[in-house]
N, C-alpha and C. Protein backbone atom coordinates (compact mmCIF):
# COMPACT_ATOMS: atom_id res chain seq x y z
N MET A 1 7.69 -11.05 -18.04
CA MET A 1 6.73 -10.03 -18.41
C MET A 1 5.34 -10.35 -17.84
N ARG A 2 5.01 -11.65 -17.77
CA ARG A 2 3.72 -12.05 -17.19
C ARG A 2 3.61 -11.59 -15.75
N MET A 3 4.74 -11.53 -15.08
CA MET A 3 4.75 -11.10 -13.68
C MET A 3 4.26 -9.65 -13.53
N LEU A 4 4.39 -8.84 -14.57
CA LEU A 4 3.90 -7.46 -14.53
C LEU A 4 2.41 -7.39 -14.80
N TRP A 5 1.89 -8.22 -15.70
CA TRP A 5 0.49 -8.11 -16.11
C TRP A 5 -0.46 -8.75 -15.11
N MET A 6 -0.06 -9.82 -14.46
CA MET A 6 -0.96 -10.49 -13.51
C MET A 6 -1.36 -9.57 -12.35
N PRO A 7 -0.40 -8.90 -11.69
CA PRO A 7 -0.80 -8.00 -10.61
C PRO A 7 -1.59 -6.80 -11.13
N LEU A 8 -1.27 -6.34 -12.33
CA LEU A 8 -2.00 -5.19 -12.88
C LEU A 8 -3.47 -5.54 -13.10
N VAL A 9 -3.72 -6.69 -13.70
CA VAL A 9 -5.11 -7.10 -13.94
C VAL A 9 -5.83 -7.32 -12.61
N ALA A 10 -5.17 -7.97 -11.66
CA ALA A 10 -5.78 -8.18 -10.34
C ALA A 10 -6.08 -6.84 -9.66
N THR A 11 -5.15 -5.92 -9.75
CA THR A 11 -5.34 -4.60 -9.14
C THR A 11 -6.52 -3.87 -9.78
N ILE A 12 -6.60 -3.90 -11.09
CA ILE A 12 -7.70 -3.23 -11.78
C ILE A 12 -9.04 -3.80 -11.35
N VAL A 13 -9.15 -5.11 -11.31
CA VAL A 13 -10.41 -5.75 -10.93
C VAL A 13 -10.77 -5.41 -9.48
N ILE A 14 -9.80 -5.50 -8.58
CA ILE A 14 -10.07 -5.21 -7.16
C ILE A 14 -10.43 -3.74 -6.97
N GLU A 15 -9.70 -2.85 -7.62
CA GLU A 15 -9.99 -1.42 -7.46
C GLU A 15 -11.36 -1.06 -8.04
N LEU A 16 -11.74 -1.65 -9.17
CA LEU A 16 -13.07 -1.40 -9.70
C LEU A 16 -14.14 -1.91 -8.74
N ALA A 17 -13.90 -3.07 -8.14
CA ALA A 17 -14.85 -3.60 -7.16
C ALA A 17 -14.97 -2.66 -5.96
N VAL A 18 -13.85 -2.11 -5.50
CA VAL A 18 -13.88 -1.17 -4.37
C VAL A 18 -14.64 0.10 -4.75
N LEU A 19 -14.37 0.63 -5.94
CA LEU A 19 -15.09 1.83 -6.38
C LEU A 19 -16.59 1.57 -6.47
N LEU A 20 -16.98 0.43 -7.01
CA LEU A 20 -18.39 0.08 -7.08
C LEU A 20 -18.99 -0.08 -5.68
N TYR A 21 -18.23 -0.71 -4.78
CA TYR A 21 -18.69 -0.87 -3.39
C TYR A 21 -18.89 0.49 -2.71
N LEU A 22 -18.02 1.45 -3.04
CA LEU A 22 -18.14 2.80 -2.48
C LEU A 22 -19.27 3.60 -3.12
N GLY A 23 -19.93 3.02 -4.11
CA GLY A 23 -21.06 3.68 -4.74
C GLY A 23 -20.73 4.47 -5.99
N GLU A 24 -19.51 4.32 -6.48
CA GLU A 24 -19.11 5.04 -7.69
C GLU A 24 -19.72 4.36 -8.90
N ARG A 25 -20.48 5.12 -9.68
CA ARG A 25 -21.12 4.56 -10.87
C ARG A 25 -20.80 5.34 -12.14
N ARG A 26 -20.07 6.44 -12.00
CA ARG A 26 -19.75 7.25 -13.18
C ARG A 26 -18.72 6.53 -14.05
N ARG A 27 -19.12 6.32 -15.30
CA ARG A 27 -18.26 5.58 -16.24
C ARG A 27 -16.90 6.25 -16.41
N LYS A 28 -16.88 7.59 -16.43
CA LYS A 28 -15.60 8.29 -16.64
C LYS A 28 -14.65 8.05 -15.47
N VAL A 29 -15.16 7.92 -14.25
CA VAL A 29 -14.31 7.66 -13.09
C VAL A 29 -13.81 6.21 -13.12
N LEU A 30 -14.69 5.28 -13.44
CA LEU A 30 -14.29 3.87 -13.50
C LEU A 30 -13.28 3.64 -14.62
N THR A 31 -13.52 4.23 -15.77
CA THR A 31 -12.57 4.13 -16.89
C THR A 31 -11.26 4.83 -16.54
N GLY A 32 -11.37 5.98 -15.91
CA GLY A 32 -10.18 6.72 -15.50
C GLY A 32 -9.31 5.92 -14.54
N SER A 33 -9.94 5.16 -13.67
CA SER A 33 -9.20 4.32 -12.73
C SER A 33 -8.36 3.28 -13.47
N VAL A 34 -8.94 2.66 -14.48
CA VAL A 34 -8.21 1.66 -15.27
C VAL A 34 -7.04 2.32 -16.00
N VAL A 35 -7.30 3.46 -16.62
CA VAL A 35 -6.25 4.16 -17.37
C VAL A 35 -5.12 4.59 -16.43
N MET A 36 -5.49 5.12 -15.26
CA MET A 36 -4.45 5.55 -14.30
C MET A 36 -3.60 4.37 -13.83
N ASN A 37 -4.23 3.22 -13.62
CA ASN A 37 -3.47 2.04 -13.22
C ASN A 37 -2.43 1.67 -14.26
N VAL A 38 -2.84 1.64 -15.50
CA VAL A 38 -1.92 1.27 -16.56
C VAL A 38 -0.80 2.30 -16.70
N LEU A 39 -1.16 3.58 -16.63
CA LEU A 39 -0.16 4.64 -16.85
C LEU A 39 0.77 4.86 -15.66
N THR A 40 0.35 4.48 -14.47
CA THR A 40 1.23 4.71 -13.31
C THR A 40 1.87 3.42 -12.80
N ASN A 41 1.13 2.32 -12.75
CA ASN A 41 1.68 1.09 -12.17
C ASN A 41 2.69 0.40 -13.07
N VAL A 42 2.41 0.35 -14.35
CA VAL A 42 3.34 -0.33 -15.26
C VAL A 42 4.71 0.36 -15.26
N PRO A 43 4.78 1.69 -15.47
CA PRO A 43 6.11 2.33 -15.42
C PRO A 43 6.81 2.17 -14.07
N LEU A 44 6.05 2.28 -12.97
CA LEU A 44 6.66 2.13 -11.66
C LEU A 44 7.21 0.71 -11.46
N ASN A 45 6.47 -0.30 -11.92
CA ASN A 45 6.94 -1.68 -11.80
C ASN A 45 8.15 -1.94 -12.69
N LEU A 46 8.13 -1.39 -13.90
CA LEU A 46 9.29 -1.55 -14.79
C LEU A 46 10.51 -0.88 -14.20
N PHE A 47 10.32 0.30 -13.62
CA PHE A 47 11.42 1.00 -12.96
C PHE A 47 11.98 0.15 -11.82
N ALA A 48 11.09 -0.43 -11.03
CA ALA A 48 11.52 -1.26 -9.90
C ALA A 48 12.29 -2.48 -10.38
N LEU A 49 11.82 -3.09 -11.46
CA LEU A 49 12.51 -4.27 -11.98
C LEU A 49 13.86 -3.93 -12.59
N CYS A 50 13.91 -2.84 -13.34
CA CYS A 50 15.13 -2.48 -14.07
C CYS A 50 16.21 -1.88 -13.17
N PHE A 51 15.80 -1.07 -12.21
CA PHE A 51 16.78 -0.33 -11.43
C PHE A 51 16.84 -0.73 -9.97
N SER A 52 15.97 -1.63 -9.57
CA SER A 52 15.94 -2.14 -8.20
C SER A 52 15.94 -1.01 -7.18
N PHE A 53 14.82 -0.84 -6.53
CA PHE A 53 14.69 0.20 -5.52
C PHE A 53 15.80 0.10 -4.49
N GLN A 54 16.32 1.25 -4.08
CA GLN A 54 17.35 1.30 -3.06
C GLN A 54 16.68 1.49 -1.70
N GLY A 55 16.09 0.47 -1.19
CA GLY A 55 15.47 0.53 0.12
C GLY A 55 14.07 1.11 0.08
N TRP A 56 13.51 1.27 1.26
CA TRP A 56 12.14 1.74 1.39
C TRP A 56 11.97 3.20 1.02
N ASP A 57 13.01 4.01 1.15
CA ASP A 57 12.89 5.43 0.83
C ASP A 57 12.47 5.65 -0.61
N ALA A 58 13.12 4.97 -1.54
CA ALA A 58 12.79 5.14 -2.96
C ALA A 58 11.38 4.61 -3.24
N LEU A 59 11.01 3.53 -2.60
CA LEU A 59 9.67 2.97 -2.79
C LEU A 59 8.60 3.93 -2.29
N ILE A 60 8.83 4.52 -1.13
CA ILE A 60 7.87 5.46 -0.55
C ILE A 60 7.75 6.70 -1.43
N VAL A 61 8.86 7.22 -1.91
CA VAL A 61 8.82 8.39 -2.78
C VAL A 61 8.08 8.06 -4.07
N GLY A 62 8.35 6.90 -4.66
CA GLY A 62 7.67 6.49 -5.89
C GLY A 62 6.17 6.38 -5.69
N GLU A 63 5.75 5.75 -4.60
CA GLU A 63 4.32 5.62 -4.31
C GLU A 63 3.69 6.98 -4.02
N ALA A 64 4.42 7.85 -3.33
CA ALA A 64 3.88 9.19 -3.03
C ALA A 64 3.64 9.98 -4.31
N VAL A 65 4.54 9.86 -5.26
CA VAL A 65 4.36 10.54 -6.55
C VAL A 65 3.12 10.00 -7.27
N VAL A 66 2.96 8.68 -7.25
CA VAL A 66 1.79 8.06 -7.89
C VAL A 66 0.50 8.53 -7.21
N VAL A 67 0.49 8.57 -5.87
CA VAL A 67 -0.69 9.03 -5.14
C VAL A 67 -1.02 10.46 -5.52
N LEU A 68 -0.03 11.31 -5.60
CA LEU A 68 -0.25 12.71 -5.97
C LEU A 68 -0.79 12.84 -7.39
N VAL A 69 -0.17 12.15 -8.33
CA VAL A 69 -0.61 12.22 -9.73
C VAL A 69 -2.05 11.70 -9.86
N GLU A 70 -2.34 10.58 -9.21
CA GLU A 70 -3.68 10.03 -9.31
C GLU A 70 -4.70 10.90 -8.58
N ALA A 71 -4.31 11.54 -7.49
CA ALA A 71 -5.23 12.47 -6.80
C ALA A 71 -5.58 13.63 -7.72
N LEU A 72 -4.60 14.14 -8.45
CA LEU A 72 -4.86 15.21 -9.42
C LEU A 72 -5.82 14.74 -10.51
N CYS A 73 -5.61 13.53 -10.98
CA CYS A 73 -6.49 12.97 -12.02
C CYS A 73 -7.90 12.77 -11.49
N TYR A 74 -8.03 12.21 -10.28
CA TYR A 74 -9.35 12.03 -9.70
C TYR A 74 -10.02 13.38 -9.43
N ARG A 75 -9.24 14.38 -9.06
CA ARG A 75 -9.79 15.73 -8.86
C ARG A 75 -10.40 16.24 -10.16
N TRP A 76 -9.70 16.00 -11.25
CA TRP A 76 -10.19 16.42 -12.57
C TRP A 76 -11.47 15.65 -12.92
N LEU A 77 -11.51 14.34 -12.61
CA LEU A 77 -12.68 13.53 -12.94
C LEU A 77 -13.88 13.80 -12.02
N LEU A 78 -13.60 14.04 -10.74
CA LEU A 78 -14.67 14.17 -9.75
C LEU A 78 -15.10 15.60 -9.50
N GLY A 79 -14.18 16.53 -9.66
CA GLY A 79 -14.50 17.93 -9.40
C GLY A 79 -14.38 18.34 -7.95
N GLU A 80 -13.84 17.47 -7.10
CA GLU A 80 -13.65 17.81 -5.69
C GLU A 80 -12.41 17.13 -5.15
N TRP A 81 -11.78 17.79 -4.17
CA TRP A 81 -10.51 17.29 -3.63
C TRP A 81 -10.68 16.17 -2.62
N GLN A 82 -11.63 16.28 -1.70
CA GLN A 82 -11.72 15.30 -0.62
C GLN A 82 -11.90 13.88 -1.15
N GLN A 83 -12.85 13.69 -2.02
CA GLN A 83 -13.09 12.36 -2.57
C GLN A 83 -11.91 11.92 -3.45
N ALA A 84 -11.28 12.86 -4.15
CA ALA A 84 -10.12 12.54 -4.98
C ALA A 84 -8.99 11.97 -4.13
N TRP A 85 -8.71 12.60 -2.98
CA TRP A 85 -7.65 12.11 -2.08
C TRP A 85 -8.02 10.75 -1.49
N ILE A 86 -9.29 10.58 -1.12
CA ILE A 86 -9.72 9.29 -0.56
C ILE A 86 -9.53 8.18 -1.58
N TYR A 87 -10.01 8.42 -2.81
CA TYR A 87 -9.86 7.41 -3.85
C TYR A 87 -8.38 7.12 -4.11
N SER A 88 -7.58 8.15 -4.24
CA SER A 88 -6.17 7.96 -4.56
C SER A 88 -5.45 7.19 -3.46
N LEU A 89 -5.63 7.60 -2.22
CA LEU A 89 -4.94 6.93 -1.11
C LEU A 89 -5.42 5.49 -0.93
N LEU A 90 -6.72 5.30 -0.94
CA LEU A 90 -7.27 3.96 -0.73
C LEU A 90 -6.89 3.02 -1.86
N LEU A 91 -7.07 3.45 -3.09
CA LEU A 91 -6.80 2.58 -4.23
C LEU A 91 -5.31 2.31 -4.41
N ASN A 92 -4.46 3.27 -4.07
CA ASN A 92 -3.02 3.01 -4.15
C ASN A 92 -2.54 2.09 -3.04
N ALA A 93 -3.15 2.17 -1.88
CA ALA A 93 -2.83 1.22 -0.81
C ALA A 93 -3.20 -0.19 -1.25
N ILE A 94 -4.36 -0.33 -1.87
CA ILE A 94 -4.79 -1.63 -2.38
C ILE A 94 -3.83 -2.12 -3.46
N SER A 95 -3.49 -1.24 -4.39
CA SER A 95 -2.58 -1.58 -5.47
C SER A 95 -1.23 -2.04 -4.93
N PHE A 96 -0.71 -1.32 -3.96
CA PHE A 96 0.57 -1.68 -3.36
C PHE A 96 0.50 -3.06 -2.70
N LEU A 97 -0.57 -3.30 -1.95
CA LEU A 97 -0.71 -4.58 -1.26
C LEU A 97 -0.89 -5.74 -2.23
N VAL A 98 -1.63 -5.53 -3.31
CA VAL A 98 -1.78 -6.58 -4.32
C VAL A 98 -0.42 -6.88 -4.95
N GLY A 99 0.34 -5.85 -5.27
CA GLY A 99 1.67 -6.06 -5.83
C GLY A 99 2.58 -6.82 -4.90
N GLU A 100 2.55 -6.47 -3.62
CA GLU A 100 3.37 -7.17 -2.63
C GLU A 100 2.94 -8.63 -2.48
N LEU A 101 1.65 -8.88 -2.53
CA LEU A 101 1.14 -10.25 -2.45
C LEU A 101 1.66 -11.07 -3.63
N PHE A 102 1.63 -10.50 -4.82
CA PHE A 102 2.15 -11.22 -5.98
C PHE A 102 3.65 -11.49 -5.85
N VAL A 103 4.39 -10.54 -5.33
CA VAL A 103 5.83 -10.75 -5.14
C VAL A 103 6.06 -11.88 -4.14
N LEU A 104 5.32 -11.89 -3.04
CA LEU A 104 5.48 -12.96 -2.05
C LEU A 104 5.13 -14.32 -2.62
N VAL A 105 4.05 -14.40 -3.36
CA VAL A 105 3.66 -15.67 -3.98
C VAL A 105 4.71 -16.11 -4.99
N PHE A 106 5.19 -15.18 -5.80
CA PHE A 106 6.24 -15.48 -6.77
C PHE A 106 7.49 -16.01 -6.08
N LEU A 107 7.91 -15.34 -5.01
CA LEU A 107 9.10 -15.78 -4.28
C LEU A 107 8.89 -17.14 -3.63
N LEU A 108 7.70 -17.35 -3.11
CA LEU A 108 7.38 -18.62 -2.45
C LEU A 108 7.47 -19.78 -3.45
N PHE A 109 6.87 -19.61 -4.61
CA PHE A 109 6.87 -20.69 -5.58
C PHE A 109 8.20 -20.88 -6.27
N ASN A 110 9.03 -19.85 -6.32
CA ASN A 110 10.35 -19.98 -6.93
C ASN A 110 11.41 -20.44 -5.95
N SER A 111 11.05 -20.56 -4.68
CA SER A 111 12.04 -21.02 -3.70
C SER A 111 12.09 -22.53 -3.60
N TYR A 112 11.14 -23.20 -4.23
CA TYR A 112 11.12 -24.68 -4.18
C TYR A 112 11.83 -25.28 -5.33
């Protein structure tokens, strides 16, 4: 279970840092980012652990759904589509890479 929370916390911290770097200061957007991470990443990771993705196709579809859902949420928070898509795509790419990094580190340390 710890394997699920460590990447989530790392992702939240990194994504908040990226949003702040991009100049985002609205509390509702920063809070919304944390809520979206918990509501989308945890279920997707549990699904991946329980049912094991069947290749890259399922992973891509899962990530695309998350990007779409989060873009809709950011649209609601920001009031505009362009920035909502940028935030959703950029932050989900970061989230995906952080998750993959944790998997690689986990596999590396468990192979010894």
